[in-house]
N, C-alpha and C. Protein backbone atom coordinates (compact mmCIF):
# COMPACT_ATOMS: atom_id res chain seq x y z
N MET A 1 16.50 -13.83 -3.79
CA MET A 1 16.81 -12.51 -4.28
C MET A 1 15.55 -11.66 -4.41
N THR A 2 14.41 -12.22 -4.82
CA THR A 2 13.22 -11.41 -5.04
C THR A 2 12.48 -11.08 -3.76
N ASP A 3 12.80 -11.71 -2.62
CA ASP A 3 12.12 -11.41 -1.36
C ASP A 3 12.71 -10.20 -0.66
N ARG A 4 13.86 -9.75 -1.09
CA ARG A 4 14.51 -8.61 -0.47
C ARG A 4 13.74 -7.34 -0.83
N VAL A 5 13.48 -6.49 0.14
CA VAL A 5 12.76 -5.24 -0.10
C VAL A 5 13.77 -4.16 -0.44
N TYR A 6 13.57 -3.50 -1.57
CA TYR A 6 14.47 -2.46 -2.05
C TYR A 6 13.84 -1.10 -1.84
N ASN A 7 14.68 -0.08 -1.72
CA ASN A 7 14.17 1.27 -1.58
C ASN A 7 15.18 2.26 -2.14
N THR A 8 14.75 3.50 -2.19
CA THR A 8 15.56 4.55 -2.79
C THR A 8 16.89 4.74 -2.08
N GLN A 9 16.91 4.66 -0.76
CA GLN A 9 18.17 4.86 -0.03
C GLN A 9 19.21 3.83 -0.45
N MET A 10 18.80 2.61 -0.75
CA MET A 10 19.75 1.59 -1.21
C MET A 10 20.36 2.01 -2.54
N MET A 11 19.54 2.60 -3.43
CA MET A 11 20.07 3.07 -4.71
C MET A 11 21.11 4.16 -4.50
N ILE A 12 20.81 5.09 -3.58
CA ILE A 12 21.74 6.19 -3.31
C ILE A 12 23.03 5.65 -2.72
N ASP A 13 22.94 4.76 -1.74
CA ASP A 13 24.12 4.18 -1.12
C ASP A 13 24.98 3.44 -2.14
N LEU A 14 24.34 2.66 -3.01
CA LEU A 14 25.06 1.90 -4.02
C LEU A 14 25.77 2.84 -5.00
N THR A 15 25.09 3.91 -5.39
CA THR A 15 25.69 4.86 -6.31
C THR A 15 26.91 5.52 -5.68
N ILE A 16 26.79 5.91 -4.42
CA ILE A 16 27.92 6.53 -3.73
C ILE A 16 29.10 5.56 -3.65
N ARG A 17 28.82 4.30 -3.31
CA ARG A 17 29.91 3.33 -3.18
C ARG A 17 30.52 2.97 -4.53
N SER A 18 29.69 2.87 -5.58
CA SER A 18 30.23 2.40 -6.85
C SER A 18 30.75 3.52 -7.75
N VAL A 19 30.21 4.72 -7.61
CA VAL A 19 30.62 5.82 -8.47
C VAL A 19 31.46 6.84 -7.70
N GLY A 20 31.12 7.06 -6.44
CA GLY A 20 31.79 8.08 -5.64
C GLY A 20 33.25 7.78 -5.39
N ASP A 21 33.60 6.53 -5.26
CA ASP A 21 34.98 6.15 -5.01
C ASP A 21 35.38 5.15 -6.08
N ARG A 22 36.09 5.58 -7.07
CA ARG A 22 36.44 4.73 -8.21
C ARG A 22 37.29 3.53 -7.82
N ARG A 23 37.94 3.58 -6.65
CA ARG A 23 38.81 2.48 -6.24
C ARG A 23 38.07 1.38 -5.49
N CYS A 24 36.79 1.59 -5.20
CA CYS A 24 36.08 0.60 -4.38
C CYS A 24 35.77 -0.67 -5.16
N THR A 25 35.64 -1.74 -4.45
CA THR A 25 35.25 -3.03 -5.03
C THR A 25 33.84 -3.34 -4.54
N LEU A 26 32.96 -3.69 -5.46
CA LEU A 26 31.60 -4.00 -5.06
C LEU A 26 31.55 -5.36 -4.37
N SER A 27 30.83 -5.41 -3.28
CA SER A 27 30.63 -6.67 -2.55
C SER A 27 29.61 -7.52 -3.30
N PRO A 28 29.48 -8.80 -2.98
CA PRO A 28 28.43 -9.62 -3.62
C PRO A 28 27.03 -9.02 -3.43
N ASP A 29 26.74 -8.45 -2.25
CA ASP A 29 25.44 -7.81 -2.04
C ASP A 29 25.26 -6.61 -2.95
N ASP A 30 26.33 -5.81 -3.11
CA ASP A 30 26.25 -4.66 -4.02
C ASP A 30 26.03 -5.10 -5.45
N LEU A 31 26.72 -6.15 -5.86
CA LEU A 31 26.57 -6.66 -7.21
C LEU A 31 25.14 -7.14 -7.44
N GLU A 32 24.56 -7.78 -6.44
CA GLU A 32 23.15 -8.21 -6.54
C GLU A 32 22.25 -7.00 -6.73
N ASP A 33 22.52 -5.92 -5.99
CA ASP A 33 21.72 -4.71 -6.12
C ASP A 33 21.83 -4.12 -7.52
N VAL A 34 23.03 -4.11 -8.10
CA VAL A 34 23.21 -3.60 -9.46
C VAL A 34 22.36 -4.41 -10.43
N ILE A 35 22.37 -5.72 -10.29
CA ILE A 35 21.58 -6.59 -11.16
C ILE A 35 20.09 -6.29 -11.00
N ILE A 36 19.64 -6.11 -9.76
CA ILE A 36 18.23 -5.81 -9.50
C ILE A 36 17.83 -4.51 -10.17
N PHE A 37 18.62 -3.44 -9.98
CA PHE A 37 18.26 -2.15 -10.54
C PHE A 37 18.33 -2.17 -12.07
N GLU A 38 19.26 -2.91 -12.64
CA GLU A 38 19.31 -3.07 -14.09
C GLU A 38 18.08 -3.82 -14.59
N ASN A 39 17.66 -4.82 -13.84
CA ASN A 39 16.49 -5.62 -14.20
C ASN A 39 15.24 -4.74 -14.24
N ILE A 40 15.04 -3.91 -13.22
CA ILE A 40 13.90 -3.00 -13.19
C ILE A 40 14.03 -1.97 -14.30
N GLY A 41 15.26 -1.52 -14.56
CA GLY A 41 15.50 -0.57 -15.64
C GLY A 41 15.04 -1.10 -16.99
N ALA A 42 15.17 -2.40 -17.21
CA ALA A 42 14.71 -3.01 -18.46
C ALA A 42 13.20 -2.88 -18.59
N ASP A 43 12.47 -3.04 -17.49
CA ASP A 43 11.01 -2.88 -17.52
C ASP A 43 10.62 -1.44 -17.81
N ILE A 44 11.38 -0.49 -17.27
CA ILE A 44 11.10 0.92 -17.54
C ILE A 44 11.36 1.23 -19.01
N LYS A 45 12.42 0.67 -19.57
CA LYS A 45 12.70 0.89 -21.00
C LYS A 45 11.57 0.31 -21.86
N GLU A 46 11.03 -0.82 -21.45
CA GLU A 46 9.90 -1.43 -22.18
C GLU A 46 8.67 -0.52 -22.09
N PHE A 47 8.41 0.02 -20.90
CA PHE A 47 7.32 0.99 -20.72
C PHE A 47 7.56 2.20 -21.62
N ASP A 48 8.78 2.68 -21.65
CA ASP A 48 9.15 3.82 -22.48
C ASP A 48 8.83 3.55 -23.95
N ARG A 49 9.20 2.38 -24.42
CA ARG A 49 9.03 2.02 -25.83
C ARG A 49 7.57 1.75 -26.19
N LEU A 50 6.83 1.06 -25.31
CA LEU A 50 5.48 0.60 -25.66
C LEU A 50 4.35 1.49 -25.15
N VAL A 51 4.63 2.35 -24.17
CA VAL A 51 3.57 3.19 -23.60
C VAL A 51 3.90 4.67 -23.78
N TRP A 52 5.02 5.09 -23.21
CA TRP A 52 5.39 6.49 -23.23
C TRP A 52 5.50 7.01 -24.66
N SER A 53 6.22 6.29 -25.50
CA SER A 53 6.43 6.73 -26.88
C SER A 53 5.25 6.40 -27.79
N LYS A 54 4.30 5.62 -27.31
CA LYS A 54 3.15 5.21 -28.13
C LYS A 54 1.85 5.86 -27.66
N GLY A 55 1.94 7.07 -27.11
CA GLY A 55 0.71 7.79 -26.83
C GLY A 55 0.61 8.49 -25.49
N LEU A 56 1.20 7.96 -24.45
CA LEU A 56 1.05 8.60 -23.14
C LEU A 56 1.75 9.95 -23.11
N ARG A 57 2.94 10.03 -23.68
CA ARG A 57 3.65 11.32 -23.71
C ARG A 57 2.83 12.36 -24.46
N ALA A 58 2.28 12.01 -25.62
CA ALA A 58 1.47 12.96 -26.40
C ALA A 58 0.22 13.38 -25.65
N ARG A 59 -0.40 12.43 -24.95
CA ARG A 59 -1.62 12.72 -24.19
C ARG A 59 -1.31 13.72 -23.07
N LEU A 60 -0.21 13.53 -22.36
CA LEU A 60 0.15 14.44 -21.28
C LEU A 60 0.61 15.79 -21.82
N ASP A 61 1.33 15.79 -22.95
CA ASP A 61 1.78 17.04 -23.56
C ASP A 61 0.59 17.91 -23.96
N ALA A 62 -0.50 17.28 -24.39
CA ALA A 62 -1.67 18.01 -24.87
C ALA A 62 -2.52 18.58 -23.73
N SER A 63 -2.26 18.15 -22.52
CA SER A 63 -3.07 18.58 -21.37
C SER A 63 -2.71 20.00 -20.95
N PRO A 64 -3.71 20.82 -20.59
CA PRO A 64 -3.43 22.16 -20.10
C PRO A 64 -3.00 22.19 -18.63
N VAL A 65 -3.10 21.06 -17.94
CA VAL A 65 -2.69 21.00 -16.52
C VAL A 65 -1.44 20.15 -16.39
N LYS A 66 -0.71 20.33 -15.30
CA LYS A 66 0.56 19.64 -15.10
C LYS A 66 0.41 18.20 -14.61
N GLY A 67 -0.68 17.90 -13.93
CA GLY A 67 -0.84 16.59 -13.33
C GLY A 67 -1.89 15.72 -14.02
N ALA A 68 -1.70 14.43 -13.90
CA ALA A 68 -2.68 13.47 -14.42
C ALA A 68 -2.61 12.19 -13.59
N VAL A 69 -3.72 11.48 -13.58
CA VAL A 69 -3.79 10.17 -12.95
C VAL A 69 -4.22 9.20 -14.03
N VAL A 70 -3.57 8.05 -14.07
CA VAL A 70 -3.97 7.02 -15.03
C VAL A 70 -4.56 5.85 -14.24
N TYR A 71 -5.76 5.48 -14.62
CA TYR A 71 -6.46 4.38 -13.97
C TYR A 71 -6.30 3.11 -14.80
N VAL A 72 -6.09 1.99 -14.13
CA VAL A 72 -6.09 0.68 -14.78
C VAL A 72 -7.26 -0.09 -14.18
N ASP A 73 -8.21 -0.44 -15.02
CA ASP A 73 -9.40 -1.14 -14.57
C ASP A 73 -10.07 -0.42 -13.39
N GLY A 74 -10.11 0.91 -13.45
CA GLY A 74 -10.77 1.72 -12.44
C GLY A 74 -9.95 2.02 -11.19
N LYS A 75 -8.72 1.52 -11.11
CA LYS A 75 -7.88 1.75 -9.93
C LYS A 75 -6.76 2.73 -10.27
N GLU A 76 -6.57 3.75 -9.40
CA GLU A 76 -5.47 4.69 -9.60
C GLU A 76 -4.16 3.91 -9.57
N THR A 77 -3.39 4.02 -10.65
CA THR A 77 -2.18 3.22 -10.77
C THR A 77 -0.94 4.06 -11.06
N LEU A 78 -1.10 5.12 -11.82
CA LEU A 78 0.04 5.94 -12.22
C LEU A 78 -0.32 7.41 -12.06
N TRP A 79 0.57 8.14 -11.42
CA TRP A 79 0.41 9.58 -11.28
C TRP A 79 1.53 10.23 -12.09
N SER A 80 1.22 11.35 -12.71
CA SER A 80 2.26 12.08 -13.44
C SER A 80 2.23 13.54 -13.05
N TRP A 81 3.39 14.16 -13.13
CA TRP A 81 3.51 15.59 -12.87
C TRP A 81 4.58 16.15 -13.81
N SER A 82 4.19 17.11 -14.65
CA SER A 82 5.10 17.71 -15.62
C SER A 82 5.78 18.93 -15.02
N MET A 83 7.09 19.02 -15.24
CA MET A 83 7.84 20.17 -14.72
C MET A 83 9.19 20.25 -15.44
N ALA A 84 9.61 21.44 -15.77
CA ALA A 84 10.93 21.70 -16.30
C ALA A 84 11.34 20.77 -17.44
N GLY A 85 10.43 20.50 -18.35
CA GLY A 85 10.74 19.66 -19.50
C GLY A 85 10.81 18.17 -19.21
N ARG A 86 10.41 17.77 -18.02
CA ARG A 86 10.42 16.36 -17.63
C ARG A 86 9.07 16.02 -17.01
N VAL A 87 8.80 14.73 -16.92
CA VAL A 87 7.57 14.26 -16.28
C VAL A 87 7.95 13.23 -15.23
N LEU A 88 7.52 13.47 -13.99
CA LEU A 88 7.69 12.50 -12.92
C LEU A 88 6.52 11.52 -13.01
N LEU A 89 6.83 10.25 -13.12
CA LEU A 89 5.83 9.19 -13.20
C LEU A 89 5.94 8.33 -11.95
N THR A 90 4.86 8.18 -11.22
CA THR A 90 4.87 7.35 -10.02
C THR A 90 3.84 6.24 -10.16
N PHE A 91 4.34 5.02 -10.29
CA PHE A 91 3.49 3.83 -10.29
C PHE A 91 3.29 3.47 -8.82
N ARG A 92 2.06 3.18 -8.42
CA ARG A 92 1.85 2.91 -7.00
C ARG A 92 0.77 1.86 -6.80
N GLU A 93 1.12 0.85 -6.02
CA GLU A 93 0.16 -0.19 -5.65
C GLU A 93 -0.34 0.04 -4.23
N SER A 94 0.57 0.46 -3.36
CA SER A 94 0.25 0.73 -1.96
C SER A 94 1.30 1.68 -1.41
N GLU A 95 1.17 2.04 -0.15
CA GLU A 95 2.15 2.93 0.47
C GLU A 95 3.55 2.31 0.49
N ASP A 96 3.61 0.98 0.54
CA ASP A 96 4.88 0.28 0.63
C ASP A 96 5.42 -0.22 -0.71
N VAL A 97 4.60 -0.18 -1.75
CA VAL A 97 5.01 -0.69 -3.06
C VAL A 97 4.78 0.40 -4.11
N TRP A 98 5.88 1.00 -4.57
CA TRP A 98 5.79 2.05 -5.57
C TRP A 98 7.12 2.17 -6.33
N LEU A 99 7.05 2.87 -7.44
CA LEU A 99 8.24 3.11 -8.25
C LEU A 99 8.07 4.47 -8.92
N SER A 100 9.11 5.30 -8.89
CA SER A 100 9.09 6.59 -9.58
C SER A 100 10.14 6.60 -10.67
N ALA A 101 9.78 7.19 -11.78
CA ALA A 101 10.68 7.33 -12.92
C ALA A 101 10.50 8.74 -13.47
N VAL A 102 11.49 9.22 -14.19
CA VAL A 102 11.39 10.51 -14.86
C VAL A 102 11.59 10.27 -16.35
N ALA A 103 10.74 10.92 -17.14
CA ALA A 103 10.83 10.80 -18.60
C ALA A 103 10.86 12.19 -19.21
N GLY A 104 11.41 12.30 -20.40
CA GLY A 104 11.45 13.58 -21.10
C GLY A 104 10.07 13.95 -21.60
N ALA A 105 9.69 15.20 -21.39
CA ALA A 105 8.38 15.65 -21.84
C ALA A 105 8.40 16.10 -23.30
N ALA A 106 9.57 16.54 -23.77
CA ALA A 106 9.68 17.02 -25.15
C ALA A 106 9.57 15.86 -26.13
N LYS A 107 9.20 16.19 -27.34
CA LYS A 107 9.06 15.15 -28.37
C LYS A 107 10.43 14.80 -28.94
N GLU A 108 11.17 14.03 -28.17
CA GLU A 108 12.51 13.62 -28.59
C GLU A 108 12.40 12.35 -29.42
N ASP A 109 13.37 12.11 -30.29
CA ASP A 109 13.39 10.86 -31.05
C ASP A 109 13.54 9.67 -30.12
N GLU A 110 14.35 9.83 -29.11
CA GLU A 110 14.60 8.74 -28.18
C GLU A 110 14.38 9.25 -26.77
N SER A 111 13.37 8.73 -26.09
CA SER A 111 13.13 9.14 -24.71
C SER A 111 14.19 8.53 -23.82
N ARG A 112 14.37 9.13 -22.68
CA ARG A 112 15.36 8.63 -21.73
C ARG A 112 14.73 8.44 -20.36
N ALA A 113 13.66 7.67 -20.31
CA ALA A 113 13.00 7.40 -19.03
C ALA A 113 13.96 6.63 -18.15
N GLY A 114 13.97 6.99 -16.87
CA GLY A 114 14.88 6.31 -15.96
C GLY A 114 14.33 6.22 -14.56
N LEU A 115 14.76 5.21 -13.86
CA LEU A 115 14.35 4.95 -12.49
C LEU A 115 14.84 6.06 -11.56
N GLN A 116 13.96 6.54 -10.68
CA GLN A 116 14.31 7.58 -9.71
C GLN A 116 14.19 7.09 -8.28
N GLY A 117 13.28 6.19 -8.01
CA GLY A 117 13.09 5.70 -6.66
C GLY A 117 12.14 4.53 -6.65
N LEU A 118 12.19 3.75 -5.58
CA LEU A 118 11.33 2.58 -5.50
C LEU A 118 11.19 2.10 -4.08
N SER A 119 10.17 1.29 -3.86
CA SER A 119 9.97 0.60 -2.60
C SER A 119 9.22 -0.69 -2.89
N GLY A 120 9.73 -1.80 -2.40
CA GLY A 120 9.09 -3.09 -2.61
C GLY A 120 10.08 -4.14 -3.03
N THR A 121 9.60 -5.36 -3.21
CA THR A 121 10.46 -6.42 -3.70
C THR A 121 10.62 -6.31 -5.21
N LEU A 122 11.58 -7.01 -5.74
CA LEU A 122 11.78 -7.00 -7.19
C LEU A 122 10.50 -7.44 -7.90
N ALA A 123 9.89 -8.51 -7.45
CA ALA A 123 8.67 -9.03 -8.10
C ALA A 123 7.55 -8.00 -8.05
N GLN A 124 7.37 -7.34 -6.91
CA GLN A 124 6.30 -6.35 -6.77
C GLN A 124 6.51 -5.16 -7.70
N VAL A 125 7.72 -4.64 -7.73
CA VAL A 125 8.01 -3.46 -8.51
C VAL A 125 7.95 -3.76 -10.01
N LYS A 126 8.50 -4.90 -10.41
CA LYS A 126 8.43 -5.29 -11.82
C LYS A 126 6.97 -5.46 -12.25
N HIS A 127 6.15 -6.02 -11.37
CA HIS A 127 4.73 -6.23 -11.69
C HIS A 127 4.02 -4.90 -11.93
N LEU A 128 4.35 -3.88 -11.13
CA LEU A 128 3.74 -2.57 -11.31
C LEU A 128 3.91 -2.07 -12.74
N VAL A 129 5.15 -2.11 -13.21
CA VAL A 129 5.46 -1.56 -14.53
C VAL A 129 4.95 -2.46 -15.64
N SER A 130 5.18 -3.75 -15.53
CA SER A 130 4.76 -4.67 -16.61
C SER A 130 3.24 -4.76 -16.70
N ASN A 131 2.55 -4.72 -15.56
CA ASN A 131 1.09 -4.77 -15.57
C ASN A 131 0.52 -3.51 -16.22
N PHE A 132 1.12 -2.36 -15.92
CA PHE A 132 0.66 -1.12 -16.54
C PHE A 132 0.89 -1.15 -18.05
N THR A 133 2.06 -1.60 -18.46
CA THR A 133 2.37 -1.69 -19.89
C THR A 133 1.37 -2.58 -20.60
N LYS A 134 1.08 -3.72 -20.03
CA LYS A 134 0.11 -4.66 -20.62
C LYS A 134 -1.29 -4.03 -20.68
N ALA A 135 -1.70 -3.38 -19.60
CA ALA A 135 -3.03 -2.76 -19.56
C ALA A 135 -3.15 -1.67 -20.61
N TRP A 136 -2.08 -0.88 -20.80
CA TRP A 136 -2.09 0.18 -21.82
C TRP A 136 -2.28 -0.44 -23.21
N GLN A 137 -1.55 -1.48 -23.48
CA GLN A 137 -1.64 -2.13 -24.79
C GLN A 137 -3.02 -2.75 -25.03
N GLU A 138 -3.66 -3.19 -23.97
CA GLU A 138 -4.99 -3.80 -24.07
C GLU A 138 -6.12 -2.78 -23.99
N GLY A 139 -5.78 -1.51 -23.84
CA GLY A 139 -6.80 -0.47 -23.79
C GLY A 139 -7.58 -0.42 -22.48
N ARG A 140 -6.98 -0.88 -21.39
CA ARG A 140 -7.66 -0.92 -20.09
C ARG A 140 -7.26 0.25 -19.20
N THR A 141 -6.78 1.34 -19.80
CA THR A 141 -6.35 2.50 -19.03
C THR A 141 -7.21 3.71 -19.36
N GLU A 142 -7.28 4.62 -18.41
CA GLU A 142 -7.99 5.88 -18.60
C GLU A 142 -7.14 6.99 -18.01
N VAL A 143 -6.80 8.00 -18.82
CA VAL A 143 -6.01 9.13 -18.36
C VAL A 143 -6.95 10.25 -17.97
N VAL A 144 -6.80 10.73 -16.73
CA VAL A 144 -7.67 11.79 -16.21
C VAL A 144 -6.79 12.94 -15.72
N GLU A 145 -7.09 14.15 -16.19
CA GLU A 145 -6.35 15.32 -15.73
C GLU A 145 -6.59 15.49 -14.23
N ASP A 146 -5.54 15.82 -13.51
CA ASP A 146 -5.61 16.01 -12.07
C ASP A 146 -5.59 17.51 -11.79
N LEU A 147 -6.79 18.09 -11.71
CA LEU A 147 -6.92 19.54 -11.55
C LEU A 147 -6.47 20.02 -10.18
N LYS A 148 -6.40 19.12 -9.20
CA LYS A 148 -5.95 19.50 -7.85
C LYS A 148 -4.44 19.55 -7.76
N GLY A 149 -3.76 18.97 -8.73
CA GLY A 149 -2.30 18.98 -8.71
C GLY A 149 -1.71 18.00 -7.71
N THR A 150 -2.38 16.90 -7.51
CA THR A 150 -1.86 15.88 -6.58
C THR A 150 -0.55 15.35 -7.10
N LEU A 151 0.43 15.27 -6.25
CA LEU A 151 1.73 14.71 -6.61
C LEU A 151 2.00 13.54 -5.68
N CYS A 152 2.00 12.35 -6.24
CA CYS A 152 2.15 11.15 -5.42
C CYS A 152 3.59 10.67 -5.47
N ILE A 153 4.28 10.81 -4.36
CA ILE A 153 5.64 10.29 -4.26
C ILE A 153 5.68 9.41 -3.04
N GLY A 154 5.98 8.14 -3.29
CA GLY A 154 6.13 7.14 -2.27
C GLY A 154 5.53 7.33 -0.99
């Protein structure tokens, strides 16, 4: 199950099949996809609870520019772009391994960060988010304003 490469189009197709037609029955492959996306969603919720709500949201809110890059141990790992009350967060290891999520920029009691797109195996994508969360907790991150407005999407 973890060797399968997932991508955004699979998420869209699954949503259309499972939500678009209420009478459809999910195949075993579709059910596996639901489990995979729920599994990654749990990592995003952990990021939301331990990173986003514990300082990253406030740091980005305080910035006069819309974009930022977060470095982990000197390597560009997370890009953010604020727009329309939301922040696009893109975790990226390589051109083929990335994950995008959107989080609320406002100071809400409960953030609603959610998966928007991905590319890579389950293990690779989960590692991106969990490694970043761990690095944040250990103080191995550096947030740098991106004055050029770079927007990194897959």
